[in-house]
Amino acid sequence: MSIFTLDILLVEDSRSDVELFMLAHQVNGSAATIRVARDGMEAVEALHSDKSRPGDAPNVLPRLVLLDLNMPRLNGFEVLKRLRADERTRQLPVVIFSGSDQRSDMLEAERLGANGYVRKPVEFENLCATLAQFERDWLSADLAPLHPTG
C-alpha cells in the first residue's frame, strides 16, 4: 500500500503548458502539491522505485497523474501501458490531458485503462476551471479513492 502525499504528477513536455498550468494553480489558490515530469521516461522513473538498492524508500505515488500523449522518448500511451502493467501503479488514477481531440486517441486511452480523457483548454480561464475540477473530482478526501480500471 502506497502513502499518497503528492497530489498531482503532471507529465508534460511543453514548457509553456507547464508554466500555464502552474500559473493556473497559483491563481486558483490551490493547495495541491504538483510535481512535473518533462517526458514519459521521467514519469515512469518518478513512479517506479529502485528496489534493487538496500535502504531505498519507494517513490511516493501521486493521487492523480495528468498525462500528455505526444512526448519525446516515451509517449503517453506507452507510459499508460507501463503503469497498468505494474502492480504498484495498476490502480493509480491517470487522466489523459492532451491537446488531441482525435477519437482514436480517446478510444486507445480508454482501451489502455485511462480513468479519463480531458482536452487541454485553450483559454486560460478554462484551464483554471479545469484544474479546479480535477481537484474536486480527484483530490477531495471523500472523492479520492482509487478508481478501478478496465
Protein backbone atom coordinates (compact mmCIF):
# COMPACT_ATOMS: atom_id res chain seq x y z
CA MET A 1 0.00 0.00 0.00
CA SER A 2 1.42 3.36 -1.01
CA ILE A 3 1.23 6.53 1.00
CA PHE A 4 -0.13 9.44 -1.01
CA THR A 5 1.50 12.75 -0.15
CA LEU A 6 1.89 14.09 -3.68
CA ASP A 7 -1.36 15.22 -5.22
CA ILE A 8 -0.65 15.55 -8.95
CA LEU A 9 2.07 14.34 -11.26
CA LEU A 10 1.83 16.45 -14.41
CA VAL A 11 3.53 14.67 -17.30
CA GLU A 12 4.08 17.38 -19.90
CA ASP A 13 6.95 18.17 -22.26
CA SER A 14 5.79 21.65 -23.29
CA ARG A 15 7.46 24.29 -21.10
CA SER A 16 4.73 26.84 -21.89
CA ASP A 17 1.95 24.37 -20.99
CA VAL A 18 3.69 23.62 -17.68
CA GLU A 19 4.07 27.33 -16.94
CA LEU A 20 0.39 27.98 -17.71
CA PHE A 21 -0.67 25.04 -15.55
CA MET A 22 1.42 26.29 -12.63
CA LEU A 23 0.07 29.81 -13.07
CA ALA A 24 -3.49 28.42 -13.02
CA HIS A 25 -2.55 26.53 -9.85
CA GLN A 26 -1.36 29.81 -8.29
CA VAL A 27 -4.34 31.88 -9.50
CA ASN A 28 -6.74 29.27 -8.11
CA GLY A 29 -5.02 29.43 -4.73
CA SER A 30 -4.67 25.68 -4.88
CA ALA A 31 -3.02 23.83 -2.02
CA ALA A 32 -2.41 20.76 -4.18
CA THR A 33 1.17 19.60 -4.45
CA ILE A 34 2.36 19.20 -8.03
CA ARG A 35 5.42 17.51 -9.48
CA VAL A 36 6.27 17.81 -13.17
CA ALA A 37 7.80 15.11 -15.33
CA ARG A 38 9.08 16.55 -18.63
CA ASP A 39 8.62 13.38 -20.70
CA GLY A 40 7.35 9.81 -20.50
CA MET A 41 10.62 8.29 -19.33
CA GLU A 42 10.92 10.80 -16.50
CA ALA A 43 7.34 9.96 -15.47
CA VAL A 44 7.99 6.22 -15.40
CA GLU A 45 11.18 6.76 -13.40
CA ALA A 46 9.31 9.03 -10.96
CA LEU A 47 6.61 6.43 -10.40
CA HIS A 48 8.75 3.31 -10.07
CA SER A 49 11.13 2.97 -7.16
CA ASP A 50 14.57 1.42 -7.40
CA LYS A 51 14.08 -1.60 -5.17
CA SER A 52 17.45 -3.05 -6.12
CA ARG A 53 19.41 -0.90 -3.69
CA PRO A 54 19.03 -1.76 0.00
CA GLY A 55 17.58 1.03 2.07
CA ASP A 56 15.98 2.87 -0.85
CA ALA A 57 12.50 4.06 0.02
CA PRO A 58 9.85 3.54 -2.66
CA ASN A 59 8.84 6.65 -4.56
CA VAL A 60 5.68 8.31 -3.32
CA LEU A 61 2.78 7.84 -5.70
CA PRO A 62 0.63 10.84 -6.58
CA ARG A 63 -3.10 10.80 -6.10
CA LEU A 64 -3.56 11.71 -9.79
CA VAL A 65 -1.43 11.56 -12.93
CA LEU A 66 -2.22 14.06 -15.70
CA LEU A 67 -0.63 12.55 -18.78
CA ASP A 68 0.07 14.23 -22.11
CA LEU A 69 0.12 11.94 -25.15
CA ASN A 70 2.64 13.40 -27.56
CA MET A 71 6.03 13.46 -25.84
CA PRO A 72 9.60 12.55 -26.71
CA ARG A 73 11.32 9.34 -25.60
CA LEU A 74 8.12 7.64 -24.41
CA ASN A 75 4.65 8.79 -25.42
CA GLY A 76 1.63 8.86 -23.15
CA PHE A 77 0.21 5.58 -24.41
CA GLU A 78 3.48 3.79 -23.63
CA VAL A 79 3.56 5.36 -20.16
CA LEU A 80 -0.02 4.24 -19.54
CA LYS A 81 0.78 0.69 -20.70
CA ARG A 82 3.71 0.52 -18.27
CA LEU A 83 1.68 1.90 -15.38
CA ARG A 84 -1.12 -0.61 -15.94
CA ALA A 85 1.36 -3.49 -16.26
CA ASP A 86 2.97 -2.78 -12.87
CA GLU A 87 1.17 -3.99 -9.76
CA ARG A 88 2.24 -0.94 -7.75
CA THR A 89 0.78 1.56 -10.26
CA ARG A 90 -2.00 -0.50 -11.85
CA GLN A 91 -4.78 1.27 -9.92
CA LEU A 92 -3.18 4.73 -9.98
CA PRO A 93 -5.69 7.27 -11.36
CA VAL A 94 -4.46 8.50 -14.75
CA VAL A 95 -6.27 11.15 -16.76
CA ILE A 96 -5.06 11.86 -20.27
CA PHE A 97 -4.59 15.63 -20.52
CA SER A 98 -3.92 16.25 -24.19
CA GLY A 99 -4.44 18.73 -26.97
CA SER A 100 -5.63 15.92 -29.20
CA ASP A 101 -9.32 15.69 -30.00
CA GLN A 102 -8.84 12.59 -32.16
CA ARG A 103 -11.48 9.96 -31.38
CA SER A 104 -8.87 7.26 -31.98
CA ASP A 105 -6.70 8.72 -29.19
CA MET A 106 -9.66 8.78 -26.82
CA LEU A 107 -10.57 5.18 -27.62
CA GLU A 108 -6.97 3.98 -27.25
CA ALA A 109 -6.67 5.76 -23.89
CA GLU A 110 -9.84 4.04 -22.70
CA ARG A 111 -8.66 0.66 -24.01
CA LEU A 112 -5.36 1.02 -22.14
CA GLY A 113 -7.10 1.83 -18.86
CA ALA A 114 -7.07 5.61 -18.53
CA ASN A 115 -9.51 6.88 -15.93
CA GLY A 116 -10.46 9.85 -18.08
CA TYR A 117 -9.61 11.98 -21.07
CA VAL A 118 -9.62 15.77 -20.90
CA ARG A 119 -8.69 18.00 -23.79
CA LYS A 120 -6.35 20.82 -22.74
CA PRO A 121 -8.27 24.07 -22.62
CA VAL A 122 -7.13 26.82 -24.96
CA GLU A 123 -8.28 29.76 -22.82
CA PHE A 124 -6.53 30.43 -19.50
CA GLU A 125 -9.85 30.90 -17.64
CA ASN A 126 -10.91 27.45 -18.81
CA LEU A 127 -7.59 25.98 -17.67
CA CYS A 128 -8.18 27.42 -14.19
CA ALA A 129 -11.67 25.90 -14.17
CA THR A 130 -10.35 22.54 -15.40
CA LEU A 131 -7.69 22.44 -12.68
CA ALA A 132 -10.33 23.25 -10.05
CA GLN A 133 -12.48 20.44 -11.46
CA PHE A 134 -9.56 17.97 -11.25
CA GLU A 135 -9.14 18.91 -7.61
CA ARG A 136 -12.85 18.49 -6.85
CA ASP A 137 -13.13 15.19 -8.69
CA TRP A 138 -9.83 13.53 -7.78
CA LEU A 139 -8.23 15.19 -4.75
CA SER A 140 -11.10 15.84 -2.40
CA ALA A 141 -10.74 13.47 0.57
CA ASP A 142 -14.16 11.95 0.01
CA LEU A 143 -13.65 11.51 -3.72
CA ALA A 144 -10.05 10.34 -3.91
CA PRO A 145 -10.35 6.54 -3.77
CA LEU A 146 -8.54 4.69 -6.49
CA HIS A 147 -10.87 4.14 -9.40
CA PRO A 148 -10.57 0.61 -10.78
CA THR A 149 -9.76 0.36 -14.44
CA GLY A 150 -10.95 -1.95 -17.17
